[in-house]
């Protein structure tokens, strides 16, 4: 009776359904949901794509599709509250996993929107202020090291030349040249001035990152591999729809490659090692500051220092100081000095 009342029936109607002659036709038994959450999810998508333009249709179809499919799977569990549906959604993936976190974030956002629009009752469907208890603690990640330029080029040369290999080579060239997170491969476009643009916004405890222009390091990689033109032409990327996300898709492809196995035998590398290599290249090869490099990579200076300062060994520090001294000397020279 409580569930029926929460779904909108009067007390008398709920009592009639449970105790009266029509008890066999309980709405809760006739349909999995007292509230049509799947229908609300579809309206939420229409709002996000067509109502506000916050996301592209392709983003809804790729990033949000897995969450929508999961919602359809759990409807027979008859969730009767925000916590019920969030927990049911989350149970599909390992605690703390990125895919579990994304799905719970999607569903919590839908519930908040539905309450604001009057589709759901706040007292029943308001998600908890913090979803971390539902997501679970993040698993300890294996530490990974940057890939050096020569390692990257040798790996690329060794990849298979079949259609799948060519698609993965394109994806890895983008990740290595622009320092991308694997998931950002799904969010690439061209800005009005012809630069490569990433619309991805990562949500974390520190807030949300902002979309950004991308700069290739090294620029000649971007030019030689025609990366901007290939994105503009809509060249096909490999499938990036593994349950745990694009990084997992990349990992599953790479671990089957002999060249990757050889690299892993000597150092702990992961798909993020291409991004780490971009950071190291920015500091060692180009002398860029943490502030500039963090901006290029789409995260805060604090995050950058936390993750990348560990690679500032004595040789790197000495080289940076040497560059700084040369820069200081250039500034001190009088005008016209040759």
C-alpha atoms as a PDB file:
ATOM      1  CA  UNK A   1       0.000   0.000   0.000  1.00  0.00           C
ATOM      2  CA  UNK A   2       2.829   2.365   0.834  1.00  0.00           C
ATOM      3  CA  UNK A   3       4.349   1.881  -2.620  1.00  0.00           C
ATOM      4  CA  UNK A   4       1.011   2.516  -4.303  1.00  0.00           C
ATOM      5  CA  UNK A   5       0.391   5.682  -2.304  1.00  0.00           C
ATOM      6  CA  UNK A   6       3.884   6.893  -3.157  1.00  0.00           C
ATOM      7  CA  UNK A   7       3.111   6.332  -6.828  1.00  0.00           C
ATOM      8  CA  UNK A   8       0.122   8.673  -6.619  1.00  0.00           C
ATOM      9  CA  UNK A   9      -2.909   6.611  -5.585  1.00  0.00           C
ATOM     10  CA  UNK A  10      -5.148   7.703  -2.721  1.00  0.00           C
ATOM     11  CA  UNK A  11      -5.123   5.660   0.468  1.00  0.00           C
ATOM     12  CA  UNK A  12      -8.580   4.244  -0.308  1.00  0.00           C
ATOM     13  CA  UNK A  13      -7.566   3.192  -3.813  1.00  0.00           C
ATOM     14  CA  UNK A  14      -4.394   1.573  -2.509  1.00  0.00           C
ATOM     15  CA  UNK A  15      -6.386  -0.323   0.120  1.00  0.00           C
ATOM     16  CA  UNK A  16      -8.857  -1.458  -2.505  1.00  0.00           C
ATOM     17  CA  UNK A  17      -6.085  -2.776  -4.720  1.00  0.00           C
ATOM     18  CA  UNK A  18      -4.392  -4.665  -1.887  1.00  0.00           C
ATOM     19  CA  UNK A  19      -7.419  -5.982   0.032  1.00  0.00           C
ATOM     20  CA  UNK A  20     -10.331  -5.767  -2.367  1.00  0.00           C
ATOM     21  CA  UNK A  21     -11.489  -7.998  -5.224  1.00  0.00           C
ATOM     22  CA  UNK A  22      -9.185  -6.241  -7.691  1.00  0.00           C
ATOM     23  CA  UNK A  23      -6.108  -7.152  -5.676  1.00  0.00           C
ATOM     24  CA  UNK A  24      -4.901  -9.492  -8.426  1.00  0.00           C
ATOM     25  CA  UNK A  25      -4.574  -6.502 -10.769  1.00  0.00           C
ATOM     26  CA  UNK A  26      -2.143  -4.549  -8.660  1.00  0.00           C
ATOM     27  CA  UNK A  27      -0.429  -1.855 -10.737  1.00  0.00           C
ATOM     28  CA  UNK A  28       2.859  -2.916  -9.156  1.00  0.00           C
ATOM     29  CA  UNK A  29       2.332  -6.443 -10.453  1.00  0.00           C
ATOM     30  CA  UNK A  30       0.989  -5.466 -13.861  1.00  0.00           C
ATOM     31  CA  UNK A  31       3.890  -3.180 -14.708  1.00  0.00           C
ATOM     32  CA  UNK A  32       7.457  -3.185 -13.441  1.00  0.00           C
ATOM     33  CA  UNK A  33       7.399   0.505 -12.581  1.00  0.00           C
ATOM     34  CA  UNK A  34       4.846   2.480 -10.638  1.00  0.00           C
ATOM     35  CA  UNK A  35       6.490   5.403 -12.435  1.00  0.00           C
ATOM     36  CA  UNK A  36       7.646   5.168 -16.047  1.00  0.00           C
ATOM     37  CA  UNK A  37      11.326   5.858 -15.444  1.00  0.00           C
ATOM     38  CA  UNK A  38      12.287   4.643 -18.909  1.00  0.00           C
ATOM     39  CA  UNK A  39       9.918   7.161 -20.480  1.00  0.00           C
ATOM     40  CA  UNK A  40      11.298   9.891 -18.243  1.00  0.00           C
ATOM     41  CA  UNK A  41      14.833   8.889 -19.281  1.00  0.00           C
ATOM     42  CA  UNK A  42      13.877   9.356 -22.931  1.00  0.00           C
ATOM     43  CA  UNK A  43      12.369  12.776 -22.220  1.00  0.00           C
ATOM     44  CA  UNK A  44      15.523  13.664 -20.289  1.00  0.00           C
ATOM     45  CA  UNK A  45      17.574  12.802 -23.371  1.00  0.00           C
ATOM     46  CA  UNK A  46      15.356  14.958 -25.563  1.00  0.00           C
ATOM     47  CA  UNK A  47      15.826  17.844 -23.137  1.00  0.00           C
ATOM     48  CA  UNK A  48      19.621  17.440 -23.073  1.00  0.00           C
ATOM     49  CA  UNK A  49      19.978  17.144 -26.854  1.00  0.00           C
ATOM     50  CA  UNK A  50      17.182  19.231 -28.378  1.00  0.00           C
ATOM     51  CA  UNK A  51      15.940  21.336 -25.507  1.00  0.00           C
ATOM     52  CA  UNK A  52      19.215  22.889 -24.419  1.00  0.00           C
ATOM     53  CA  UNK A  53      21.897  21.550 -26.760  1.00  0.00           C
ATOM     54  CA  UNK A  54      24.023  20.669 -23.737  1.00  0.00           C
ATOM     55  CA  UNK A  55      25.143  17.501 -25.474  1.00  0.00           C
ATOM     56  CA  UNK A  56      25.166  16.256 -29.053  1.00  0.00           C
ATOM     57  CA  UNK A  57      22.920  13.460 -30.242  1.00  0.00           C
ATOM     58  CA  UNK A  58      26.038  11.355 -30.875  1.00  0.00           C
ATOM     59  CA  UNK A  59      27.099  11.850 -27.248  1.00  0.00           C
ATOM     60  CA  UNK A  60      23.686  10.730 -26.017  1.00  0.00           C
ATOM     61  CA  UNK A  61      23.802   7.683 -28.252  1.00  0.00           C
ATOM     62  CA  UNK A  62      27.338   6.734 -27.184  1.00  0.00           C
ATOM     63  CA  UNK A  63      27.909   7.876 -23.603  1.00  0.00           C
ATOM     64  CA  UNK A  64      24.376   7.639 -22.245  1.00  0.00           C
ATOM     65  CA  UNK A  65      23.310   4.529 -24.173  1.00  0.00           C
ATOM     66  CA  UNK A  66      24.829   2.084 -21.671  1.00  0.00           C
ATOM     67  CA  UNK A  67      23.015   3.750 -18.761  1.00  0.00           C
ATOM     68  CA  UNK A  68      19.714   3.682 -20.651  1.00  0.00           C
ATOM     69  CA  UNK A  69      20.154  -0.008 -21.454  1.00  0.00           C
ATOM     70  CA  UNK A  70      20.877  -0.728 -17.807  1.00  0.00           C
ATOM     71  CA  UNK A  71      17.709   1.132 -16.747  1.00  0.00           C
ATOM     72  CA  UNK A  72      15.664  -1.113 -19.006  1.00  0.00           C
ATOM     73  CA  UNK A  73      17.342  -4.175 -17.484  1.00  0.00           C
ATOM     74  CA  UNK A  74      16.507  -3.267 -13.886  1.00  0.00           C
ATOM     75  CA  UNK A  75      12.885  -2.248 -14.361  1.00  0.00           C
ATOM     76  CA  UNK A  76      11.637  -5.675 -13.215  1.00  0.00           C
ATOM     77  CA  UNK A  77      13.165  -4.942  -9.809  1.00  0.00           C
ATOM     78  CA  UNK A  78      10.464  -2.289  -9.307  1.00  0.00           C
ATOM     79  CA  UNK A  79      12.589   0.412  -7.695  1.00  0.00           C
ATOM     80  CA  UNK A  80      10.376   2.637  -5.587  1.00  0.00           C
ATOM     81  CA  UNK A  81      12.821   5.390  -4.650  1.00  0.00           C
ATOM     82  CA  UNK A  82      15.940   7.188  -5.804  1.00  0.00           C
ATOM     83  CA  UNK A  83      18.202   4.937  -3.739  1.00  0.00           C
ATOM     84  CA  UNK A  84      16.503   1.832  -5.137  1.00  0.00           C
ATOM     85  CA  UNK A  85      17.052   2.770  -8.754  1.00  0.00           C
ATOM     86  CA  UNK A  86      20.586   4.108  -8.204  1.00  0.00           C
ATOM     87  CA  UNK A  87      21.656   0.934  -6.421  1.00  0.00           C
ATOM     88  CA  UNK A  88      20.053  -1.250  -9.071  1.00  0.00           C
ATOM     89  CA  UNK A  89      21.827   0.694 -11.808  1.00  0.00           C
ATOM     90  CA  UNK A  90      25.149   0.493  -9.962  1.00  0.00           C
ATOM     91  CA  UNK A  91      25.048  -3.252  -9.331  1.00  0.00           C
ATOM     92  CA  UNK A  92      25.910  -3.953 -12.968  1.00  0.00           C
ATOM     93  CA  UNK A  93      29.549  -2.851 -12.480  1.00  0.00           C
ATOM     94  CA  UNK A  94      32.333  -3.320  -9.946  1.00  0.00           C
ATOM     95  CA  UNK A  95      32.328  -0.945  -6.935  1.00  0.00           C
ATOM     96  CA  UNK A  96      34.322   2.186  -7.598  1.00  0.00           C
ATOM     97  CA  UNK A  97      34.682   1.561 -11.331  1.00  0.00           C
ATOM     98  CA  UNK A  98      34.487   4.529 -13.666  1.00  0.00           C
ATOM     99  CA  UNK A  99      31.588   3.054 -15.651  1.00  0.00           C
ATOM    100  CA  UNK A 100      29.598   2.519 -12.445  1.00  0.00           C
ATOM    101  CA  UNK A 101      30.288   6.115 -11.417  1.00  0.00           C
ATOM    102  CA  UNK A 102      29.206   7.474 -14.817  1.00  0.00           C
ATOM    103  CA  UNK A 103      25.961   5.480 -14.840  1.00  0.00           C
ATOM    104  CA  UNK A 104      25.034   6.616 -11.320  1.00  0.00           C
ATOM    105  CA  UNK A 105      25.845  10.226 -12.246  1.00  0.00           C
ATOM    106  CA  UNK A 106      23.631   9.985 -15.332  1.00  0.00           C
ATOM    107  CA  UNK A 107      20.724   8.554 -13.353  1.00  0.00           C
ATOM    108  CA  UNK A 108      21.050  11.063 -10.489  1.00  0.00           C
ATOM    109  CA  UNK A 109      21.044  13.916 -13.021  1.00  0.00           C
ATOM    110  CA  UNK A 110      17.888  12.506 -14.624  1.00  0.00           C
ATOM    111  CA  UNK A 111      16.133  12.248 -11.268  1.00  0.00           C
ATOM    112  CA  UNK A 112      16.980  15.845 -10.340  1.00  0.00           C
ATOM    113  CA  UNK A 113      15.723  17.063 -13.714  1.00  0.00           C
ATOM    114  CA  UNK A 114      12.518  15.001 -13.432  1.00  0.00           C
ATOM    115  CA  UNK A 115      11.770  16.480 -10.005  1.00  0.00           C
ATOM    116  CA  UNK A 116      12.298  20.020 -11.286  1.00  0.00           C
ATOM    117  CA  UNK A 117       9.983  19.292 -14.228  1.00  0.00           C
ATOM    118  CA  UNK A 118       7.299  17.801 -11.989  1.00  0.00           C
ATOM    119  CA  UNK A 119       7.583  14.264 -13.360  1.00  0.00           C
ATOM    120  CA  UNK A 120       8.616  12.771  -9.996  1.00  0.00           C
ATOM    121  CA  UNK A 121       7.943  13.532  -6.333  1.00  0.00           C
ATOM    122  CA  UNK A 122      10.862  15.030  -4.482  1.00  0.00           C
ATOM    123  CA  UNK A 123      10.243  13.142  -1.233  1.00  0.00           C
ATOM    124  CA  UNK A 124      10.529   9.811  -3.034  1.00  0.00           C
ATOM    125  CA  UNK A 125      12.979  10.413  -5.853  1.00  0.00           C
ATOM    126  CA  UNK A 126      15.546  12.977  -4.661  1.00  0.00           C
ATOM    127  CA  UNK A 127      18.992  11.359  -5.017  1.00  0.00           C
ATOM    128  CA  UNK A 128      21.353  11.534  -2.038  1.00  0.00           C
ATOM    129  CA  UNK A 129      23.633  14.597  -1.910  1.00  0.00           C
ATOM    130  CA  UNK A 130      26.661  12.330  -2.268  1.00  0.00           C
ATOM    131  CA  UNK A 131      26.563   9.343  -4.563  1.00  0.00           C
ATOM    132  CA  UNK A 132      29.977   8.090  -3.437  1.00  0.00           C
ATOM    133  CA  UNK A 133      28.429   5.517  -1.090  1.00  0.00           C
ATOM    134  CA  UNK A 134      26.541   3.997  -3.999  1.00  0.00           C
ATOM    135  CA  UNK A 135      29.490   4.167  -6.378  1.00  0.00           C
ATOM    136  CA  UNK A 136      31.868   2.678  -3.819  1.00  0.00           C
ATOM    137  CA  UNK A 137      35.562   3.362  -3.235  1.00  0.00           C
ATOM    138  CA  UNK A 138      37.730   3.617  -6.298  1.00  0.00           C
ATOM    139  CA  UNK A 139      40.041   0.623  -6.763  1.00  0.00           C
ATOM    140  CA  UNK A 140      43.720   1.204  -6.305  1.00  0.00           C
ATOM    141  CA  UNK A 141      45.161   1.934  -9.713  1.00  0.00           C
ATOM    142  CA  UNK A 142      48.397   0.389 -10.843  1.00  0.00           C
ATOM    143  CA  UNK A 143      50.999   3.122 -11.109  1.00  0.00           C
ATOM    144  CA  UNK A 144      52.007   3.728 -14.689  1.00  0.00           C
ATOM    145  CA  UNK A 145      54.931   5.536 -16.241  1.00  0.00           C
ATOM    146  CA  UNK A 146      55.121   7.775 -19.315  1.00  0.00           C
ATOM    147  CA  UNK A 147      55.849   6.372 -22.741  1.00  0.00           C
ATOM    148  CA  UNK A 148      58.846   8.033 -24.368  1.00  0.00           C
ATOM    149  CA  UNK A 149      58.739   9.266 -27.959  1.00  0.00           C
ATOM    150  CA  UNK A 150      60.844   6.425 -29.359  1.00  0.00           C
ATOM    151  CA  UNK A 151      58.727   3.827 -27.585  1.00  0.00           C
ATOM    152  CA  UNK A 152      55.555   5.346 -29.027  1.00  0.00           C
ATOM    153  CA  UNK A 153      56.889   5.418 -32.591  1.00  0.00           C
ATOM    154  CA  UNK A 154      58.193   1.853 -32.415  1.00  0.00           C
ATOM    155  CA  UNK A 155      54.842   0.657 -31.067  1.00  0.00           C
ATOM    156  CA  UNK A 156      52.965   2.410 -33.867  1.00  0.00           C
ATOM    157  CA  UNK A 157      55.209   0.837 -36.492  1.00  0.00           C
ATOM    158  CA  UNK A 158      54.566  -2.618 -35.042  1.00  0.00           C
ATOM    159  CA  UNK A 159      50.754  -2.467 -34.964  1.00  0.00           C
ATOM    160  CA  UNK A 160      48.877  -4.692 -37.426  1.00  0.00           C
ATOM    161  CA  UNK A 161      48.130  -3.168 -40.816  1.00  0.00           C
ATOM    162  CA  UNK A 162      44.609  -4.624 -41.005  1.00  0.00           C
ATOM    163  CA  UNK A 163      41.488  -2.358 -40.802  1.00  0.00           C
ATOM    164  CA  UNK A 164      41.232  -2.761 -37.022  1.00  0.00           C
ATOM    165  CA  UNK A 165      44.933  -1.944 -36.640  1.00  0.00           C
ATOM    166  CA  UNK A 166      44.568   1.194 -38.755  1.00  0.00           C
ATOM    167  CA  UNK A 167      41.608   2.390 -36.683  1.00  0.00           C
ATOM    168  CA  UNK A 168      43.503   1.800 -33.445  1.00  0.00           C
ATOM    169  CA  UNK A 169      46.602   3.498 -34.830  1.00  0.00           C
ATOM    170  CA  UNK A 170      44.495   6.590 -35.564  1.00  0.00           C
ATOM    171  CA  UNK A 171      43.093   6.578 -32.022  1.00  0.00           C
ATOM    172  CA  UNK A 172      46.526   6.131 -30.437  1.00  0.00           C
ATOM    173  CA  UNK A 173      48.060   8.847 -32.616  1.00  0.00           C
ATOM    174  CA  UNK A 174      45.394  11.256 -31.334  1.00  0.00           C
ATOM    175  CA  UNK A 175      45.903  10.241 -27.704  1.00  0.00           C
ATOM    176  CA  UNK A 176      49.700  10.481 -27.902  1.00  0.00           C
ATOM    177  CA  UNK A 177      49.860  13.741 -29.878  1.00  0.00           C
ATOM    178  CA  UNK A 178      47.261  15.669 -27.856  1.00  0.00           C
ATOM    179  CA  UNK A 179      47.619  14.068 -24.421  1.00  0.00           C
ATOM    180  CA  UNK A 180      44.026  12.850 -24.403  1.00  0.00           C
ATOM    181  CA  UNK A 181      42.194  10.719 -21.913  1.00  0.00           C
ATOM    182  CA  UNK A 182      40.896   7.692 -23.866  1.00  0.00           C
ATOM    183  CA  UNK A 183      37.286   8.777 -23.235  1.00  0.00           C
ATOM    184  CA  UNK A 184      38.002  12.110 -24.945  1.00  0.00           C
ATOM    185  CA  UNK A 185      38.246  10.320 -28.289  1.00  0.00           C
ATOM    186  CA  UNK A 186      34.437  10.361 -28.202  1.00  0.00           C
ATOM    187  CA  UNK A 187      34.300  14.158 -27.795  1.00  0.00           C
ATOM    188  CA  UNK A 188      36.456  15.567 -30.603  1.00  0.00           C
ATOM    189  CA  UNK A 189      35.376  18.249 -33.037  1.00  0.00           C
ATOM    190  CA  UNK A 190      36.763  21.241 -34.917  1.00  0.00           C
ATOM    191  CA  UNK A 191      36.520  24.773 -33.555  1.00  0.00           C
ATOM    192  CA  UNK A 192      35.485  27.621 -35.908  1.00  0.00           C
ATOM    193  CA  UNK A 193      39.148  28.542 -36.446  1.00  0.00           C
ATOM    194  CA  UNK A 194      40.023  25.015 -37.556  1.00  0.00           C
ATOM    195  CA  UNK A 195      41.692  23.770 -34.386  1.00  0.00           C
ATOM    196  CA  UNK A 196      40.967  20.443 -32.792  1.00  0.00           C
ATOM    197  CA  UNK A 197      38.522  20.868 -29.935  1.00  0.00           C
ATOM    198  CA  UNK A 198      37.599  18.576 -27.034  1.00  0.00           C
ATOM    199  CA  UNK A 199      34.150  19.078 -25.494  1.00  0.00           C
ATOM    200  CA  UNK A 200      34.590  16.510 -22.716  1.00  0.00           C
ATOM    201  CA  UNK A 201      33.945  17.717 -19.162  1.00  0.00           C
ATOM    202  CA  UNK A 202      35.173  15.489 -16.369  1.00  0.00           C
ATOM    203  CA  UNK A 203      33.271  15.747 -13.074  1.00  0.00           C
ATOM    204  CA  UNK A 204      35.180  15.114  -9.869  1.00  0.00           C
ATOM    205  CA  UNK A 205      35.285  16.241  -6.276  1.00  0.00           C
ATOM    206  CA  UNK A 206      37.060  19.412  -7.395  1.00  0.00           C
ATOM    207  CA  UNK A 207      34.295  20.381  -9.819  1.00  0.00           C
ATOM    208  CA  UNK A 208      33.985  20.050 -13.574  1.00  0.00           C
ATOM    209  CA  UNK A 209      36.694  20.566 -16.170  1.00  0.00           C
ATOM    210  CA  UNK A 210      36.101  22.875 -19.117  1.00  0.00           C
ATOM    211  CA  UNK A 211      36.208  22.096 -22.859  1.00  0.00           C
ATOM    212  CA  UNK A 212      39.499  23.068 -24.461  1.00  0.00           C
ATOM    213  CA  UNK A 213      41.494  23.641 -27.636  1.00  0.00           C
ATOM    214  CA  UNK A 214      44.014  20.882 -28.267  1.00  0.00           C
ATOM    215  CA  UNK A 215      47.682  21.421 -29.150  1.00  0.00           C
ATOM    216  CA  UNK A 216      49.845  18.670 -30.576  1.00  0.00           C
ATOM    217  CA  UNK A 217      53.180  18.005 -28.940  1.00  0.00           C
ATOM    218  CA  UNK A 218      55.034  17.428 -31.182  1.00  0.00           C
ATOM    219  CA  UNK A 219      53.337  19.637 -33.804  1.00  0.00           C
ATOM    220  CA  UNK A 220      55.008  17.651 -36.576  1.00  0.00           C
ATOM    221  CA  UNK A 221      53.190  14.528 -35.416  1.00  0.00           C
ATOM    222  CA  UNK A 222      49.853  16.222 -35.939  1.00  0.00           C
ATOM    223  CA  UNK A 223      50.927  17.441 -39.371  1.00  0.00           C
ATOM    224  CA  UNK A 224      52.590  14.236 -40.561  1.00  0.00           C
ATOM    225  CA  UNK A 225      49.642  12.089 -39.470  1.00  0.00           C
ATOM    226  CA  UNK A 226      47.056  14.649 -40.735  1.00  0.00           C
ATOM    227  CA  UNK A 227      45.110  14.283 -37.515  1.00  0.00           C
ATOM    228  CA  UNK A 228      42.937  17.399 -37.762  1.00  0.00           C
ATOM    229  CA  UNK A 229      41.969  16.647 -41.348  1.00  0.00           C
ATOM    230  CA  UNK A 230      41.140  13.041 -40.522  1.00  0.00           C
ATOM    231  CA  UNK A 231      38.881  14.123 -37.655  1.00  0.00           C
ATOM    232  CA  UNK A 232      37.229  16.637 -39.990  1.00  0.00           C
ATOM    233  CA  UNK A 233      36.708  13.870 -42.560  1.00  0.00           C
ATOM    234  CA  UNK A 234      35.014  11.708 -39.936  1.00  0.00           C
ATOM    235  CA  UNK A 235      37.546   8.887 -40.166  1.00  0.00           C
ATOM    236  CA  UNK A 236      36.334   5.866 -38.238  1.00  0.00           C
ATOM    237  CA  UNK A 237      37.698   5.201 -34.761  1.00  0.00           C
ATOM    238  CA  UNK A 238      37.820   1.724 -33.232  1.00  0.00           C
ATOM    239  CA  UNK A 239      34.956   0.507 -31.011  1.00  0.00           C
ATOM    240  CA  UNK A 240      35.300   2.144 -27.585  1.00  0.00           C
ATOM    241  CA  UNK A 241      32.277   0.617 -25.885  1.00  0.00           C
ATOM    242  CA  UNK A 242      33.797  -1.808 -23.371  1.00  0.00           C
ATOM    243  CA  UNK A 243      31.676  -2.011 -20.176  1.00  0.00           C
ATOM    244  CA  UNK A 244      34.313  -0.137 -18.164  1.00  0.00           C
ATOM    245  CA  UNK A 245      34.789   2.561 -20.787  1.00  0.00           C
ATOM    246  CA  UNK A 246      37.104   3.539 -23.667  1.00  0.00           C
ATOM    247  CA  UNK A 247      40.288   3.064 -21.622  1.00  0.00           C
ATOM    248  CA  UNK A 248      39.299  -0.562 -21.095  1.00  0.00           C
ATOM    249  CA  UNK A 249      38.640  -0.990 -24.827  1.00  0.00           C
ATOM    250  CA  UNK A 250      42.116   0.371 -25.533  1.00  0.00           C
ATOM    251  CA  UNK A 251      43.709  -1.839 -22.897  1.00  0.00           C
ATOM    252  CA  UNK A 252      42.045  -4.968 -24.290  1.00  0.00           C
ATOM    253  CA  UNK A 253      43.381  -4.225 -27.764  1.00  0.00           C
ATOM    254  CA  UNK A 254      46.902  -3.359 -26.650  1.00  0.00           C
ATOM    255  CA  UNK A 255      47.438  -6.373 -24.388  1.00  0.00           C
ATOM    256  CA  UNK A 256      47.107  -8.609 -27.470  1.00  0.00           C
ATOM    257  CA  UNK A 257      49.925  -6.784 -29.302  1.00  0.00           C
ATOM    258  CA  UNK A 258      53.433  -8.228 -29.047  1.00  0.00           C
ATOM    259  CA  UNK A 259      55.094  -4.788 -29.114  1.00  0.00           C
ATOM    260  CA  UNK A 260      52.952  -3.699 -26.148  1.00  0.00           C
ATOM    261  CA  UNK A 261      53.794  -6.891 -24.268  1.00  0.00           C
ATOM    262  CA  UNK A 262      57.504  -6.171 -24.699  1.00  0.00           C
ATOM    263  CA  UNK A 263      57.087  -2.646 -23.376  1.00  0.00           C
ATOM    264  CA  UNK A 264      55.084  -3.889 -20.378  1.00  0.00           C
ATOM    265  CA  UNK A 265      57.746  -6.437 -19.558  1.00  0.00           C
ATOM    266  CA  UNK A 266      60.194  -3.643 -18.746  1.00  0.00           C
ATOM    267  CA  UNK A 267      57.916  -0.958 -17.243  1.00  0.00           C
ATOM    268  CA  UNK A 268      54.406  -0.608 -15.795  1.00  0.00           C
ATOM    269  CA  UNK A 269      52.508   1.042 -18.637  1.00  0.00           C
ATOM    270  CA  UNK A 270      48.773   1.480 -19.236  1.00  0.00           C
ATOM    271  CA  UNK A 271      46.704   3.304 -21.889  1.00  0.00           C
ATOM    272  CA  UNK A 272      47.202   6.442 -19.789  1.00  0.00           C
ATOM    273  CA  UNK A 273      50.960   6.206 -20.391  1.00  0.00           C
ATOM    274  CA  UNK A 274      50.411   8.021 -23.714  1.00  0.00           C
ATOM    275  CA  UNK A 275      48.865  10.934 -21.801  1.00  0.00           C
ATOM    276  CA  UNK A 276      51.647  10.771 -19.216  1.00  0.00           C
ATOM    277  CA  UNK A 277      54.144  10.926 -22.073  1.00  0.00           C
ATOM    278  CA  UNK A 278      52.520  14.142 -23.292  1.00  0.00           C
ATOM    279  CA  UNK A 279      53.015  15.708 -19.862  1.00  0.00           C
ATOM    280  CA  UNK A 280      56.645  14.656 -19.689  1.00  0.00           C
ATOM    281  CA  UNK A 281      57.238  15.925 -23.240  1.00  0.00           C
ATOM    282  CA  UNK A 282      55.670  19.275 -22.370  1.00  0.00           C
ATOM    283  CA  UNK A 283      58.033  19.768 -19.426  1.00  0.00           C
ATOM    284  CA  UNK A 284      61.255  18.179 -20.650  1.00  0.00           C
ATOM    285  CA  UNK A 285      61.066  18.890 -24.367  1.00  0.00           C
ATOM    286  CA  UNK A 286      59.274  22.236 -24.404  1.00  0.00           C
ATOM    287  CA  UNK A 287      59.989  23.692 -20.975  1.00  0.00           C
ATOM    288  CA  UNK A 288      56.310  24.413 -20.332  1.00  0.00           C
ATOM    289  CA  UNK A 289      55.226  25.306 -16.816  1.00  0.00           C
ATOM    290  CA  UNK A 290      52.818  23.113 -14.809  1.00  0.00           C
ATOM    291  CA  UNK A 291      50.150  25.818 -15.186  1.00  0.00           C
ATOM    292  CA  UNK A 292      50.360  25.836 -18.996  1.00  0.00           C
ATOM    293  CA  UNK A 293      50.636  22.050 -19.250  1.00  0.00           C
ATOM    294  CA  UNK A 294      47.653  21.550 -16.929  1.00  0.00           C
ATOM    295  CA  UNK A 295      45.606  23.874 -19.145  1.00  0.00           C
ATOM    296  CA  UNK A 296      46.613  21.917 -22.248  1.00  0.00           C
ATOM    297  CA  UNK A 297      45.636  18.635 -20.607  1.00  0.00           C
ATOM    298  CA  UNK A 298      42.311  19.798 -19.183  1.00  0.00           C
ATOM    299  CA  UNK A 299      42.833  19.545 -15.443  1.00  0.00           C
ATOM    300  CA  UNK A 300      43.825  21.746 -12.512  1.00  0.00           C
ATOM    301  CA  UNK A 301      47.374  22.648 -11.544  1.00  0.00           C
ATOM    302  CA  UNK A 302      46.868  20.802  -8.241  1.00  0.00           C
ATOM    303  CA  UNK A 303      45.845  17.634 -10.083  1.00  0.00           C
ATOM    304  CA  UNK A 304      48.764  18.032 -12.452  1.00  0.00           C
ATOM    305  CA  UNK A 305      51.305  18.388  -9.683  1.00  0.00           C
ATOM    306  CA  UNK A 306      49.797  15.490  -7.752  1.00  0.00           C
ATOM    307  CA  UNK A 307      50.109  13.059 -10.654  1.00  0.00           C
ATOM    308  CA  UNK A 308      53.116  14.285 -12.626  1.00  0.00           C
ATOM    309  CA  UNK A 309      55.592  15.743 -10.150  1.00  0.00           C
ATOM    310  CA  UNK A 310      56.828  12.212  -9.379  1.00  0.00           C
ATOM    311  CA  UNK A 311      58.650  12.163 -12.715  1.00  0.00           C
ATOM    312  CA  UNK A 312      60.643  15.319 -12.028  1.00  0.00           C
ATOM    313  CA  UNK A 313      63.904  13.494 -11.266  1.00  0.00           C
ATOM    314  CA  UNK A 314      67.229  15.218 -10.649  1.00  0.00           C
ATOM    315  CA  UNK A 315      68.173  15.244 -14.338  1.00  0.00           C
ATOM    316  CA  UNK A 316      64.841  16.807 -15.283  1.00  0.00           C
ATOM    317  CA  UNK A 317      65.200  19.480 -12.596  1.00  0.00           C
ATOM    318  CA  UNK A 318      68.778  20.279 -13.672  1.00  0.00           C
ATOM    319  CA  UNK A 319      67.706  20.610 -17.309  1.00  0.00           C
ATOM    320  CA  UNK A 320      64.819  22.903 -16.340  1.00  0.00           C
ATOM    321  CA  UNK A 321      67.114  25.134 -14.289  1.00  0.00           C
ATOM    322  CA  UNK A 322      69.565  25.310 -17.198  1.00  0.00           C
ATOM    323  CA  UNK A 323      66.770  26.441 -19.505  1.00  0.00           C
ATOM    324  CA  UNK A 324      65.699  28.996 -16.936  1.00  0.00           C
ATOM    325  CA  UNK A 325      69.213  30.411 -16.683  1.00  0.00           C
ATOM    326  CA  UNK A 326      69.451  30.734 -20.457  1.00  0.00           C
ATOM    327  CA  UNK A 327      66.054  32.447 -20.510  1.00  0.00           C
ATOM    328  CA  UNK A 328      67.164  34.845 -17.773  1.00  0.00           C
ATOM    329  CA  UNK A 329      70.328  35.615 -19.714  1.00  0.00           C
ATOM    330  CA  UNK A 330      68.329  36.384 -22.851  1.00  0.00           C
ATOM    331  CA  UNK A 331      66.145  38.845 -20.927  1.00  0.00           C
ATOM    332  CA  UNK A 332      69.201  40.564 -19.434  1.00  0.00           C
ATOM    333  CA  UNK A 333      70.865  41.272 -22.774  1.00  0.00           C
ATOM    334  CA  UNK A 334      70.719  44.939 -23.842  1.00  0.00           C
ATOM    335  CA  UNK A 335      68.732  45.899 -26.931  1.00  0.00           C
ATOM    336  CA  UNK A 336      70.747  45.400 -30.124  1.00  0.00           C
ATOM    337  CA  UNK A 337      73.182  43.003 -28.448  1.00  0.00           C
ATOM    338  CA  UNK A 338      74.373  40.328 -30.881  1.00  0.00           C
END
